[in-house]
């Protein structure tokens, strides 16, 4: 399969060989505000595993007599979109046309996800599986401290996944960028076929990976692992030079154009198609909660590439968005005014 760089990414790599590598010193990256109207034309299709992030907030005043654990008097519940649904919510918050293709159950959490997606302005393309228990991640918190997380999950039926694959074919032409959000819950069983179909249609494909089987993502345009996810695939690197060599070998073996490594307090590093690298330093003023930060990064990247920004500009804005969202509790979004504050703010 030909794996040519799409126009939005080619602008970042239209340089002499090694020029990007010479620019790889850690430095702030400034990007001019993108007009709202331009982002409003960006069309992103998110495909993947969705879940409901449910929070119980309460007070702890005593220890249980049954076991040495705190007793939480729950006073408030809050539901938020998680997984691929949070990615779609982030894309919509920036003003883009976000579509979500996924499988949910015919149960209370599934209905709640549908409600929240509607409120977020996300176009839903849902397959309903009556046998599926929609994934819930329940977090119990007291005084802004997480005490416990409980997960409820299983995998979608084969028939629902095949129906989603058929719907994917119909949705391709209506979107500029395809985004795969993998949380290893079974929603991306056919991800390899989807990537091949998208690339054959000339659509860039971004992947937020999970697990150590990256052969599934062969042919992707851009993949966005964090350090732990990349280490699981290439092993522990001994130096930056060793890291660059391992990433280059990985990209070549899987026919992947570029890789963006998110590195928490160290920012993020882009390994581009020409073999060069560029590091964007972290911009967070205060880290409050990192959950969902990867969703914000890849959603921002997808929106900016769909709006035809150069790859390096998209990376700079994704890095800026990450610095904002980690200052918020739980899975959250960054809106246009936060990403592009006016001088008076």
C-alpha atoms as a PDB file:
ATOM      1  CA  UNK A   1       0.000   0.000   0.000  1.00  0.00           C
ATOM      2  CA  UNK A   2       1.299   3.444  -0.829  1.00  0.00           C
ATOM      3  CA  UNK A   3       1.762   5.481   2.314  1.00  0.00           C
ATOM      4  CA  UNK A   4       2.207   8.980   0.945  1.00  0.00           C
ATOM      5  CA  UNK A   5       2.071  11.913   3.354  1.00  0.00           C
ATOM      6  CA  UNK A   6      -1.268  13.781   3.166  1.00  0.00           C
ATOM      7  CA  UNK A   7      -1.157  17.486   2.323  1.00  0.00           C
ATOM      8  CA  UNK A   8      -1.695  18.629   5.912  1.00  0.00           C
ATOM      9  CA  UNK A   9       1.385  16.682   6.982  1.00  0.00           C
ATOM     10  CA  UNK A  10       3.539  17.236   3.907  1.00  0.00           C
ATOM     11  CA  UNK A  11       3.908  20.912   4.776  1.00  0.00           C
ATOM     12  CA  UNK A  12       5.785  19.954   7.920  1.00  0.00           C
ATOM     13  CA  UNK A  13       8.188  17.749   5.987  1.00  0.00           C
ATOM     14  CA  UNK A  14       8.769  19.831   2.840  1.00  0.00           C
ATOM     15  CA  UNK A  15      12.360  20.562   3.847  1.00  0.00           C
ATOM     16  CA  UNK A  16      15.835  19.476   3.006  1.00  0.00           C
ATOM     17  CA  UNK A  17      16.719  16.128   4.633  1.00  0.00           C
ATOM     18  CA  UNK A  18      17.899  16.696   8.172  1.00  0.00           C
ATOM     19  CA  UNK A  19      16.463  20.211   8.462  1.00  0.00           C
ATOM     20  CA  UNK A  20      13.825  19.047  10.922  1.00  0.00           C
ATOM     21  CA  UNK A  21      16.501  17.195  12.861  1.00  0.00           C
ATOM     22  CA  UNK A  22      18.537  20.397  13.125  1.00  0.00           C
ATOM     23  CA  UNK A  23      15.450  22.086  14.579  1.00  0.00           C
ATOM     24  CA  UNK A  24      14.986  19.392  17.207  1.00  0.00           C
ATOM     25  CA  UNK A  25      16.248  21.389  20.186  1.00  0.00           C
ATOM     26  CA  UNK A  26      13.650  21.801  22.913  1.00  0.00           C
ATOM     27  CA  UNK A  27      11.973  25.168  22.407  1.00  0.00           C
ATOM     28  CA  UNK A  28       8.569  26.843  22.769  1.00  0.00           C
ATOM     29  CA  UNK A  29       6.399  26.587  19.668  1.00  0.00           C
ATOM     30  CA  UNK A  30       4.095  29.516  18.904  1.00  0.00           C
ATOM     31  CA  UNK A  31       1.215  29.219  16.464  1.00  0.00           C
ATOM     32  CA  UNK A  32      -1.096  31.999  15.355  1.00  0.00           C
ATOM     33  CA  UNK A  33      -4.793  31.576  16.219  1.00  0.00           C
ATOM     34  CA  UNK A  34      -6.758  29.541  13.710  1.00  0.00           C
ATOM     35  CA  UNK A  35     -10.028  31.206  12.646  1.00  0.00           C
ATOM     36  CA  UNK A  36     -13.143  29.601  14.100  1.00  0.00           C
ATOM     37  CA  UNK A  37     -14.602  29.346  10.616  1.00  0.00           C
ATOM     38  CA  UNK A  38     -11.666  27.221   9.511  1.00  0.00           C
ATOM     39  CA  UNK A  39     -12.077  24.780  12.381  1.00  0.00           C
ATOM     40  CA  UNK A  40     -15.826  24.637  11.766  1.00  0.00           C
ATOM     41  CA  UNK A  41     -15.092  23.095   8.363  1.00  0.00           C
ATOM     42  CA  UNK A  42     -12.849  20.363   9.807  1.00  0.00           C
ATOM     43  CA  UNK A  43     -14.514  16.934   9.704  1.00  0.00           C
ATOM     44  CA  UNK A  44     -13.133  14.218  11.988  1.00  0.00           C
ATOM     45  CA  UNK A  45     -14.458  10.668  12.338  1.00  0.00           C
ATOM     46  CA  UNK A  46     -13.555   9.006  15.637  1.00  0.00           C
ATOM     47  CA  UNK A  47     -13.772   5.221  15.839  1.00  0.00           C
ATOM     48  CA  UNK A  48     -13.113   3.161  18.944  1.00  0.00           C
ATOM     49  CA  UNK A  49     -13.999   2.079  22.443  1.00  0.00           C
ATOM     50  CA  UNK A  50     -16.442   4.262  24.360  1.00  0.00           C
ATOM     51  CA  UNK A  51     -17.106   4.254  28.069  1.00  0.00           C
ATOM     52  CA  UNK A  52     -18.884   6.180  30.762  1.00  0.00           C
ATOM     53  CA  UNK A  53     -16.696   7.845  33.373  1.00  0.00           C
ATOM     54  CA  UNK A  54     -18.848   7.981  36.502  1.00  0.00           C
ATOM     55  CA  UNK A  55     -17.752   9.908  39.580  1.00  0.00           C
ATOM     56  CA  UNK A  56     -19.131   9.596  43.105  1.00  0.00           C
ATOM     57  CA  UNK A  57     -18.201  12.499  45.362  1.00  0.00           C
ATOM     58  CA  UNK A  58     -18.611  12.312  49.123  1.00  0.00           C
ATOM     59  CA  UNK A  59     -17.183  12.835  52.587  1.00  0.00           C
ATOM     60  CA  UNK A  60     -15.142  10.428  54.685  1.00  0.00           C
ATOM     61  CA  UNK A  61     -15.650  10.780  58.434  1.00  0.00           C
ATOM     62  CA  UNK A  62     -14.958   7.285  59.716  1.00  0.00           C
ATOM     63  CA  UNK A  63     -13.377   3.892  59.036  1.00  0.00           C
ATOM     64  CA  UNK A  64     -15.595   0.877  58.413  1.00  0.00           C
ATOM     65  CA  UNK A  65     -15.956  -1.552  61.343  1.00  0.00           C
ATOM     66  CA  UNK A  66     -16.048  -4.398  58.783  1.00  0.00           C
ATOM     67  CA  UNK A  67     -12.586  -3.766  57.294  1.00  0.00           C
ATOM     68  CA  UNK A  68      -9.863  -1.084  57.519  1.00  0.00           C
ATOM     69  CA  UNK A  69     -11.349   1.004  54.702  1.00  0.00           C
ATOM     70  CA  UNK A  70     -12.928   4.467  54.654  1.00  0.00           C
ATOM     71  CA  UNK A  71     -16.701   4.854  54.596  1.00  0.00           C
ATOM     72  CA  UNK A  72     -17.726   7.344  51.907  1.00  0.00           C
ATOM     73  CA  UNK A  73     -21.016   9.181  52.325  1.00  0.00           C
ATOM     74  CA  UNK A  74     -21.819   9.815  48.648  1.00  0.00           C
ATOM     75  CA  UNK A  75     -23.440  13.205  48.112  1.00  0.00           C
ATOM     76  CA  UNK A  76     -23.091  13.813  44.384  1.00  0.00           C
ATOM     77  CA  UNK A  77     -22.744  11.837  41.142  1.00  0.00           C
ATOM     78  CA  UNK A  78     -21.311  13.113  37.878  1.00  0.00           C
ATOM     79  CA  UNK A  79     -21.146  11.327  34.514  1.00  0.00           C
ATOM     80  CA  UNK A  80     -18.662  12.170  31.769  1.00  0.00           C
ATOM     81  CA  UNK A  81     -17.828  10.713  28.384  1.00  0.00           C
ATOM     82  CA  UNK A  82     -14.769   8.468  28.367  1.00  0.00           C
ATOM     83  CA  UNK A  83     -12.551   6.732  25.829  1.00  0.00           C
ATOM     84  CA  UNK A  84     -13.355   7.452  22.186  1.00  0.00           C
ATOM     85  CA  UNK A  85     -16.415   9.411  23.305  1.00  0.00           C
ATOM     86  CA  UNK A  86     -14.169  11.819  25.208  1.00  0.00           C
ATOM     87  CA  UNK A  87     -11.980  12.181  22.114  1.00  0.00           C
ATOM     88  CA  UNK A  88     -15.058  13.097  20.074  1.00  0.00           C
ATOM     89  CA  UNK A  89     -16.174  15.526  22.775  1.00  0.00           C
ATOM     90  CA  UNK A  90     -12.757  17.201  22.655  1.00  0.00           C
ATOM     91  CA  UNK A  91     -12.900  17.563  18.881  1.00  0.00           C
ATOM     92  CA  UNK A  92     -16.383  19.072  19.061  1.00  0.00           C
ATOM     93  CA  UNK A  93     -15.311  21.466  21.837  1.00  0.00           C
ATOM     94  CA  UNK A  94     -12.802  23.022  19.427  1.00  0.00           C
ATOM     95  CA  UNK A  95     -15.611  23.699  16.974  1.00  0.00           C
ATOM     96  CA  UNK A  96     -14.983  20.868  14.518  1.00  0.00           C
ATOM     97  CA  UNK A  97     -17.573  18.558  12.994  1.00  0.00           C
ATOM     98  CA  UNK A  98     -16.963  15.421  15.063  1.00  0.00           C
ATOM     99  CA  UNK A  99     -18.550  12.076  14.230  1.00  0.00           C
ATOM    100  CA  UNK A 100     -18.307   9.001  16.459  1.00  0.00           C
ATOM    101  CA  UNK A 101     -18.608   5.396  15.277  1.00  0.00           C
ATOM    102  CA  UNK A 102     -18.807   2.882  18.134  1.00  0.00           C
ATOM    103  CA  UNK A 103     -20.772   0.112  19.826  1.00  0.00           C
ATOM    104  CA  UNK A 104     -22.770   0.657  23.024  1.00  0.00           C
ATOM    105  CA  UNK A 105     -25.171  -1.517  24.960  1.00  0.00           C
ATOM    106  CA  UNK A 106     -28.909  -1.129  25.342  1.00  0.00           C
ATOM    107  CA  UNK A 107     -28.572  -0.292  29.015  1.00  0.00           C
ATOM    108  CA  UNK A 108     -28.598   2.699  31.348  1.00  0.00           C
ATOM    109  CA  UNK A 109     -24.911   3.615  30.821  1.00  0.00           C
ATOM    110  CA  UNK A 110     -25.387   3.329  27.057  1.00  0.00           C
ATOM    111  CA  UNK A 111     -28.367   5.683  27.140  1.00  0.00           C
ATOM    112  CA  UNK A 112     -26.407   8.094  29.315  1.00  0.00           C
ATOM    113  CA  UNK A 113     -23.578   8.129  26.763  1.00  0.00           C
ATOM    114  CA  UNK A 114     -26.081   8.902  24.005  1.00  0.00           C
ATOM    115  CA  UNK A 115     -27.448  11.830  26.040  1.00  0.00           C
ATOM    116  CA  UNK A 116     -23.998  13.245  26.780  1.00  0.00           C
ATOM    117  CA  UNK A 117     -22.898  12.950  23.149  1.00  0.00           C
ATOM    118  CA  UNK A 118     -25.989  14.851  22.037  1.00  0.00           C
ATOM    119  CA  UNK A 119     -25.248  17.584  24.579  1.00  0.00           C
ATOM    120  CA  UNK A 120     -21.644  17.776  23.314  1.00  0.00           C
ATOM    121  CA  UNK A 121     -22.625  18.311  19.683  1.00  0.00           C
ATOM    122  CA  UNK A 122     -21.127  15.029  18.454  1.00  0.00           C
ATOM    123  CA  UNK A 123     -22.740  13.296  15.465  1.00  0.00           C
ATOM    124  CA  UNK A 124     -23.380   9.725  16.602  1.00  0.00           C
ATOM    125  CA  UNK A 125     -23.119   6.618  14.429  1.00  0.00           C
ATOM    126  CA  UNK A 126     -23.855   3.982  17.041  1.00  0.00           C
ATOM    127  CA  UNK A 127     -24.305   0.246  16.794  1.00  0.00           C
ATOM    128  CA  UNK A 128     -26.473  -0.975  19.689  1.00  0.00           C
ATOM    129  CA  UNK A 129     -25.590  -4.390  21.101  1.00  0.00           C
ATOM    130  CA  UNK A 130     -28.361  -5.741  23.379  1.00  0.00           C
ATOM    131  CA  UNK A 131     -25.959  -8.247  24.963  1.00  0.00           C
ATOM    132  CA  UNK A 132     -23.223  -5.695  25.719  1.00  0.00           C
ATOM    133  CA  UNK A 133     -22.770  -4.157  29.148  1.00  0.00           C
ATOM    134  CA  UNK A 134     -21.539  -0.660  28.322  1.00  0.00           C
ATOM    135  CA  UNK A 135     -18.159  -0.006  29.914  1.00  0.00           C
ATOM    136  CA  UNK A 136     -18.258   2.050  33.118  1.00  0.00           C
ATOM    137  CA  UNK A 137     -15.261   3.343  35.031  1.00  0.00           C
ATOM    138  CA  UNK A 138     -16.568   4.314  38.453  1.00  0.00           C
ATOM    139  CA  UNK A 139     -14.346   6.549  40.571  1.00  0.00           C
ATOM    140  CA  UNK A 140     -15.033   7.344  44.226  1.00  0.00           C
ATOM    141  CA  UNK A 141     -13.577  10.644  45.427  1.00  0.00           C
ATOM    142  CA  UNK A 142     -13.446  12.597  48.663  1.00  0.00           C
ATOM    143  CA  UNK A 143     -11.968  16.070  49.038  1.00  0.00           C
ATOM    144  CA  UNK A 144     -10.590  15.890  45.500  1.00  0.00           C
ATOM    145  CA  UNK A 145      -8.728  12.656  46.233  1.00  0.00           C
ATOM    146  CA  UNK A 146      -9.551   9.454  44.346  1.00  0.00           C
ATOM    147  CA  UNK A 147     -10.110   6.601  46.783  1.00  0.00           C
ATOM    148  CA  UNK A 148     -11.199   3.782  44.495  1.00  0.00           C
ATOM    149  CA  UNK A 149     -11.897   2.883  40.862  1.00  0.00           C
ATOM    150  CA  UNK A 150     -14.250   0.085  39.840  1.00  0.00           C
ATOM    151  CA  UNK A 151     -14.503  -1.096  36.204  1.00  0.00           C
ATOM    152  CA  UNK A 152     -17.521  -2.784  34.582  1.00  0.00           C
ATOM    153  CA  UNK A 153     -16.864  -4.054  31.044  1.00  0.00           C
ATOM    154  CA  UNK A 154     -17.094  -6.783  28.413  1.00  0.00           C
ATOM    155  CA  UNK A 155     -16.622  -6.956  24.619  1.00  0.00           C
ATOM    156  CA  UNK A 156     -19.105  -6.219  21.786  1.00  0.00           C
ATOM    157  CA  UNK A 157     -20.684  -9.003  19.752  1.00  0.00           C
ATOM    158  CA  UNK A 158     -19.147  -9.937  16.384  1.00  0.00           C
ATOM    159  CA  UNK A 159     -22.321  -8.939  14.530  1.00  0.00           C
ATOM    160  CA  UNK A 160     -22.291  -5.407  15.958  1.00  0.00           C
ATOM    161  CA  UNK A 161     -18.634  -4.974  15.004  1.00  0.00           C
ATOM    162  CA  UNK A 162     -19.275  -6.133  11.431  1.00  0.00           C
ATOM    163  CA  UNK A 163     -22.172  -3.696  11.160  1.00  0.00           C
ATOM    164  CA  UNK A 164     -19.827  -0.941  12.326  1.00  0.00           C
ATOM    165  CA  UNK A 165     -17.281  -1.898   9.666  1.00  0.00           C
ATOM    166  CA  UNK A 166     -19.942  -1.632   6.968  1.00  0.00           C
ATOM    167  CA  UNK A 167     -21.018   1.763   8.287  1.00  0.00           C
ATOM    168  CA  UNK A 168     -17.372   2.899   8.306  1.00  0.00           C
ATOM    169  CA  UNK A 169     -17.221   2.453   4.522  1.00  0.00           C
ATOM    170  CA  UNK A 170     -20.172   4.796   4.078  1.00  0.00           C
ATOM    171  CA  UNK A 171     -18.755   7.440   6.442  1.00  0.00           C
ATOM    172  CA  UNK A 172     -15.272   7.680   4.916  1.00  0.00           C
ATOM    173  CA  UNK A 173     -16.151  10.139   2.169  1.00  0.00           C
ATOM    174  CA  UNK A 174     -17.837  12.492   4.649  1.00  0.00           C
ATOM    175  CA  UNK A 175     -14.725  13.108   6.786  1.00  0.00           C
ATOM    176  CA  UNK A 176     -11.268  14.629   6.332  1.00  0.00           C
ATOM    177  CA  UNK A 177      -9.351  12.757   9.051  1.00  0.00           C
ATOM    178  CA  UNK A 178      -9.951   9.358  10.655  1.00  0.00           C
ATOM    179  CA  UNK A 179      -9.025   8.864  14.318  1.00  0.00           C
ATOM    180  CA  UNK A 180      -8.756   5.440  15.965  1.00  0.00           C
ATOM    181  CA  UNK A 181      -9.086   5.492  19.763  1.00  0.00           C
ATOM    182  CA  UNK A 182      -8.071   2.080  21.106  1.00  0.00           C
ATOM    183  CA  UNK A 183      -8.766   1.188  24.738  1.00  0.00           C
ATOM    184  CA  UNK A 184      -8.536  -2.581  24.169  1.00  0.00           C
ATOM    185  CA  UNK A 185     -12.249  -3.132  24.846  1.00  0.00           C
ATOM    186  CA  UNK A 186     -12.936  -4.856  21.513  1.00  0.00           C
ATOM    187  CA  UNK A 187     -14.402  -1.929  19.599  1.00  0.00           C
ATOM    188  CA  UNK A 188     -11.476  -1.838  17.150  1.00  0.00           C
ATOM    189  CA  UNK A 189     -11.394  -5.516  16.226  1.00  0.00           C
ATOM    190  CA  UNK A 190     -11.338  -4.516  12.529  1.00  0.00           C
ATOM    191  CA  UNK A 191      -8.883  -1.621  12.871  1.00  0.00           C
ATOM    192  CA  UNK A 192      -6.422  -3.034  10.302  1.00  0.00           C
ATOM    193  CA  UNK A 193      -9.090  -3.183   7.601  1.00  0.00           C
ATOM    194  CA  UNK A 194     -10.334   0.284   8.534  1.00  0.00           C
ATOM    195  CA  UNK A 195      -6.861   1.811   8.246  1.00  0.00           C
ATOM    196  CA  UNK A 196      -6.331   0.186   4.846  1.00  0.00           C
ATOM    197  CA  UNK A 197      -9.702   1.428   3.589  1.00  0.00           C
ATOM    198  CA  UNK A 198      -9.055   4.967   4.839  1.00  0.00           C
ATOM    199  CA  UNK A 199      -5.584   5.207   3.317  1.00  0.00           C
ATOM    200  CA  UNK A 200      -6.863   3.830   0.016  1.00  0.00           C
ATOM    201  CA  UNK A 201      -9.415   6.661   0.092  1.00  0.00           C
ATOM    202  CA  UNK A 202      -6.645   9.213   0.709  1.00  0.00           C
ATOM    203  CA  UNK A 203      -7.642   9.918   4.318  1.00  0.00           C
ATOM    204  CA  UNK A 204      -4.981  10.411   7.007  1.00  0.00           C
ATOM    205  CA  UNK A 205      -5.398   8.030   9.953  1.00  0.00           C
ATOM    206  CA  UNK A 206      -4.361   8.896  13.512  1.00  0.00           C
ATOM    207  CA  UNK A 207      -4.107   6.130  16.124  1.00  0.00           C
ATOM    208  CA  UNK A 208      -4.056   6.285  19.916  1.00  0.00           C
ATOM    209  CA  UNK A 209      -2.652   2.778  20.552  1.00  0.00           C
ATOM    210  CA  UNK A 210      -3.124   0.174  23.251  1.00  0.00           C
ATOM    211  CA  UNK A 211      -1.237  -3.030  23.986  1.00  0.00           C
ATOM    212  CA  UNK A 212       1.850  -4.454  22.313  1.00  0.00           C
ATOM    213  CA  UNK A 213       0.352  -5.672  19.008  1.00  0.00           C
ATOM    214  CA  UNK A 214       0.975  -2.668  16.794  1.00  0.00           C
ATOM    215  CA  UNK A 215       0.878  -4.774  13.651  1.00  0.00           C
ATOM    216  CA  UNK A 216      -2.839  -4.007  13.851  1.00  0.00           C
ATOM    217  CA  UNK A 217      -2.037  -0.345  13.116  1.00  0.00           C
ATOM    218  CA  UNK A 218       0.037  -1.012   9.997  1.00  0.00           C
ATOM    219  CA  UNK A 219      -0.141   1.827   7.481  1.00  0.00           C
ATOM    220  CA  UNK A 220      -1.366   4.496   9.913  1.00  0.00           C
ATOM    221  CA  UNK A 221      -0.399   8.087   9.207  1.00  0.00           C
ATOM    222  CA  UNK A 222       0.417   9.074  12.784  1.00  0.00           C
ATOM    223  CA  UNK A 223       0.479   7.134  16.055  1.00  0.00           C
ATOM    224  CA  UNK A 224       0.497   8.818  19.489  1.00  0.00           C
ATOM    225  CA  UNK A 225       1.797   6.573  22.296  1.00  0.00           C
ATOM    226  CA  UNK A 226       2.854   7.696  25.741  1.00  0.00           C
ATOM    227  CA  UNK A 227       6.174   6.510  27.170  1.00  0.00           C
ATOM    228  CA  UNK A 228       4.778   3.365  28.798  1.00  0.00           C
ATOM    229  CA  UNK A 229       2.903   2.348  25.639  1.00  0.00           C
ATOM    230  CA  UNK A 230       5.959   2.828  23.427  1.00  0.00           C
ATOM    231  CA  UNK A 231       8.234   1.021  25.894  1.00  0.00           C
ATOM    232  CA  UNK A 232       5.895  -1.971  25.788  1.00  0.00           C
ATOM    233  CA  UNK A 233       6.554  -2.292  22.052  1.00  0.00           C
ATOM    234  CA  UNK A 234      10.199  -1.253  21.519  1.00  0.00           C
ATOM    235  CA  UNK A 235      11.659  -1.991  24.949  1.00  0.00           C
ATOM    236  CA  UNK A 236      13.535   0.311  27.325  1.00  0.00           C
ATOM    237  CA  UNK A 237      15.761   2.789  25.520  1.00  0.00           C
ATOM    238  CA  UNK A 238      19.146   3.724  26.971  1.00  0.00           C
ATOM    239  CA  UNK A 239      19.464   7.218  25.493  1.00  0.00           C
ATOM    240  CA  UNK A 240      17.739   9.670  23.161  1.00  0.00           C
ATOM    241  CA  UNK A 241      19.838   8.335  20.283  1.00  0.00           C
ATOM    242  CA  UNK A 242      18.743   4.794  21.111  1.00  0.00           C
ATOM    243  CA  UNK A 243      15.115   5.951  21.297  1.00  0.00           C
ATOM    244  CA  UNK A 244      15.353   7.582  17.865  1.00  0.00           C
ATOM    245  CA  UNK A 245      16.814   4.403  16.366  1.00  0.00           C
ATOM    246  CA  UNK A 246      14.109   2.204  17.876  1.00  0.00           C
ATOM    247  CA  UNK A 247      11.315   4.498  16.676  1.00  0.00           C
ATOM    248  CA  UNK A 248      12.799   4.678  13.171  1.00  0.00           C
ATOM    249  CA  UNK A 249      12.916   0.888  12.979  1.00  0.00           C
ATOM    250  CA  UNK A 250       9.346   0.625  14.278  1.00  0.00           C
ATOM    251  CA  UNK A 251       7.996   3.154  11.786  1.00  0.00           C
ATOM    252  CA  UNK A 252       9.753   1.439   8.898  1.00  0.00           C
ATOM    253  CA  UNK A 253       8.539  -2.027   9.880  1.00  0.00           C
ATOM    254  CA  UNK A 254       4.906  -0.922  10.231  1.00  0.00           C
ATOM    255  CA  UNK A 255       4.802   1.560   7.334  1.00  0.00           C
ATOM    256  CA  UNK A 256       3.795   4.402   9.679  1.00  0.00           C
ATOM    257  CA  UNK A 257       4.497   7.968   8.542  1.00  0.00           C
ATOM    258  CA  UNK A 258       5.104   9.648  11.892  1.00  0.00           C
ATOM    259  CA  UNK A 259       5.031   9.027  15.636  1.00  0.00           C
ATOM    260  CA  UNK A 260       4.253  11.538  18.377  1.00  0.00           C
ATOM    261  CA  UNK A 261       5.554  10.459  21.784  1.00  0.00           C
ATOM    262  CA  UNK A 262       3.860  12.141  24.747  1.00  0.00           C
ATOM    263  CA  UNK A 263       6.298  12.436  27.653  1.00  0.00           C
ATOM    264  CA  UNK A 264       4.364  13.998  30.559  1.00  0.00           C
ATOM    265  CA  UNK A 265       6.538  16.650  32.217  1.00  0.00           C
ATOM    266  CA  UNK A 266       9.004  16.449  29.303  1.00  0.00           C
ATOM    267  CA  UNK A 267       6.424  17.534  26.753  1.00  0.00           C
ATOM    268  CA  UNK A 268       6.170  15.598  23.500  1.00  0.00           C
ATOM    269  CA  UNK A 269       8.495  14.548  20.691  1.00  0.00           C
ATOM    270  CA  UNK A 270       7.545  14.224  17.033  1.00  0.00           C
ATOM    271  CA  UNK A 271       9.411  11.636  14.968  1.00  0.00           C
ATOM    272  CA  UNK A 272       8.659  12.798  11.444  1.00  0.00           C
ATOM    273  CA  UNK A 273       8.587  11.079   8.080  1.00  0.00           C
ATOM    274  CA  UNK A 274      12.010  12.417   7.031  1.00  0.00           C
ATOM    275  CA  UNK A 275      13.696  10.889  10.079  1.00  0.00           C
ATOM    276  CA  UNK A 276      13.995  14.185  11.930  1.00  0.00           C
ATOM    277  CA  UNK A 277      12.621  14.964  15.376  1.00  0.00           C
ATOM    278  CA  UNK A 278      11.096  17.937  17.101  1.00  0.00           C
ATOM    279  CA  UNK A 279      10.450  18.273  20.840  1.00  0.00           C
ATOM    280  CA  UNK A 280       7.785  20.571  22.271  1.00  0.00           C
ATOM    281  CA  UNK A 281       8.337  21.312  25.982  1.00  0.00           C
ATOM    282  CA  UNK A 282       5.512  20.826  28.464  1.00  0.00           C
ATOM    283  CA  UNK A 283       3.460  23.970  29.030  1.00  0.00           C
ATOM    284  CA  UNK A 284       1.303  22.934  32.009  1.00  0.00           C
ATOM    285  CA  UNK A 285       1.229  25.521  34.788  1.00  0.00           C
ATOM    286  CA  UNK A 286      -0.210  23.079  37.327  1.00  0.00           C
ATOM    287  CA  UNK A 287      -0.843  19.360  36.902  1.00  0.00           C
ATOM    288  CA  UNK A 288      -4.093  18.413  38.606  1.00  0.00           C
ATOM    289  CA  UNK A 289      -5.265  15.281  36.766  1.00  0.00           C
ATOM    290  CA  UNK A 290      -3.691  13.554  33.744  1.00  0.00           C
ATOM    291  CA  UNK A 291      -6.657  11.270  32.971  1.00  0.00           C
ATOM    292  CA  UNK A 292      -7.907  11.929  29.454  1.00  0.00           C
ATOM    293  CA  UNK A 293      -4.934  14.114  28.481  1.00  0.00           C
ATOM    294  CA  UNK A 294      -4.040  11.732  25.655  1.00  0.00           C
ATOM    295  CA  UNK A 295      -7.595  12.078  24.327  1.00  0.00           C
ATOM    296  CA  UNK A 296      -7.188  15.848  24.193  1.00  0.00           C
ATOM    297  CA  UNK A 297      -3.829  15.579  22.422  1.00  0.00           C
ATOM    298  CA  UNK A 298      -4.987  13.325  19.605  1.00  0.00           C
ATOM    299  CA  UNK A 299      -8.325  15.139  19.201  1.00  0.00           C
ATOM    300  CA  UNK A 300      -6.532  18.475  18.824  1.00  0.00           C
ATOM    301  CA  UNK A 301      -4.087  16.957  16.336  1.00  0.00           C
ATOM    302  CA  UNK A 302      -6.916  15.517  14.260  1.00  0.00           C
ATOM    303  CA  UNK A 303      -8.894  18.756  14.198  1.00  0.00           C
ATOM    304  CA  UNK A 304      -5.884  20.843  13.185  1.00  0.00           C
ATOM    305  CA  UNK A 305      -4.830  18.410  10.460  1.00  0.00           C
ATOM    306  CA  UNK A 306      -8.414  18.318   9.181  1.00  0.00           C
ATOM    307  CA  UNK A 307      -8.226  22.123   9.064  1.00  0.00           C
ATOM    308  CA  UNK A 308      -5.121  21.711   6.837  1.00  0.00           C
ATOM    309  CA  UNK A 309      -2.557  23.024   9.332  1.00  0.00           C
ATOM    310  CA  UNK A 310       1.049  21.826   8.972  1.00  0.00           C
ATOM    311  CA  UNK A 311       1.901  18.916  11.225  1.00  0.00           C
ATOM    312  CA  UNK A 312       4.315  20.894  13.406  1.00  0.00           C
ATOM    313  CA  UNK A 313       1.680  23.563  14.056  1.00  0.00           C
ATOM    314  CA  UNK A 314      -0.833  20.844  14.937  1.00  0.00           C
ATOM    315  CA  UNK A 315       1.671  19.337  17.388  1.00  0.00           C
ATOM    316  CA  UNK A 316       2.305  22.726  19.002  1.00  0.00           C
ATOM    317  CA  UNK A 317      -1.417  23.276  19.527  1.00  0.00           C
ATOM    318  CA  UNK A 318      -1.929  19.733  20.841  1.00  0.00           C
ATOM    319  CA  UNK A 319       0.866  20.362  23.333  1.00  0.00           C
ATOM    320  CA  UNK A 320      -0.765  23.617  24.401  1.00  0.00           C
ATOM    321  CA  UNK A 321      -4.123  21.870  24.819  1.00  0.00           C
ATOM    322  CA  UNK A 322      -2.527  19.148  26.954  1.00  0.00           C
ATOM    323  CA  UNK A 323      -1.053  21.783  29.247  1.00  0.00           C
ATOM    324  CA  UNK A 324      -4.524  23.214  29.783  1.00  0.00           C
ATOM    325  CA  UNK A 325      -6.489  20.004  30.263  1.00  0.00           C
ATOM    326  CA  UNK A 326      -4.194  18.495  32.932  1.00  0.00           C
ATOM    327  CA  UNK A 327      -5.181  21.425  35.139  1.00  0.00           C
ATOM    328  CA  UNK A 328      -8.765  20.117  35.241  1.00  0.00           C
ATOM    329  CA  UNK A 329     -10.318  17.261  37.223  1.00  0.00           C
ATOM    330  CA  UNK A 330     -11.083  14.052  35.348  1.00  0.00           C
ATOM    331  CA  UNK A 331     -11.788  13.668  31.653  1.00  0.00           C
ATOM    332  CA  UNK A 332     -12.240  17.206  30.381  1.00  0.00           C
ATOM    333  CA  UNK A 333     -12.034  19.303  27.215  1.00  0.00           C
ATOM    334  CA  UNK A 334     -10.303  22.411  25.947  1.00  0.00           C
ATOM    335  CA  UNK A 335     -12.469  24.850  24.025  1.00  0.00           C
ATOM    336  CA  UNK A 336     -11.527  27.367  21.356  1.00  0.00           C
ATOM    337  CA  UNK A 337     -11.237  30.341  23.713  1.00  0.00           C
ATOM    338  CA  UNK A 338      -8.919  28.423  26.044  1.00  0.00           C
ATOM    339  CA  UNK A 339      -6.666  27.296  23.212  1.00  0.00           C
ATOM    340  CA  UNK A 340      -6.608  30.729  21.584  1.00  0.00           C
ATOM    341  CA  UNK A 341      -7.119  33.250  24.417  1.00  0.00           C
ATOM    342  CA  UNK A 342      -7.598  36.860  23.400  1.00  0.00           C
ATOM    343  CA  UNK A 343      -4.823  39.294  24.440  1.00  0.00           C
ATOM    344  CA  UNK A 344      -7.138  40.837  27.024  1.00  0.00           C
ATOM    345  CA  UNK A 345      -7.621  37.506  28.842  1.00  0.00           C
END
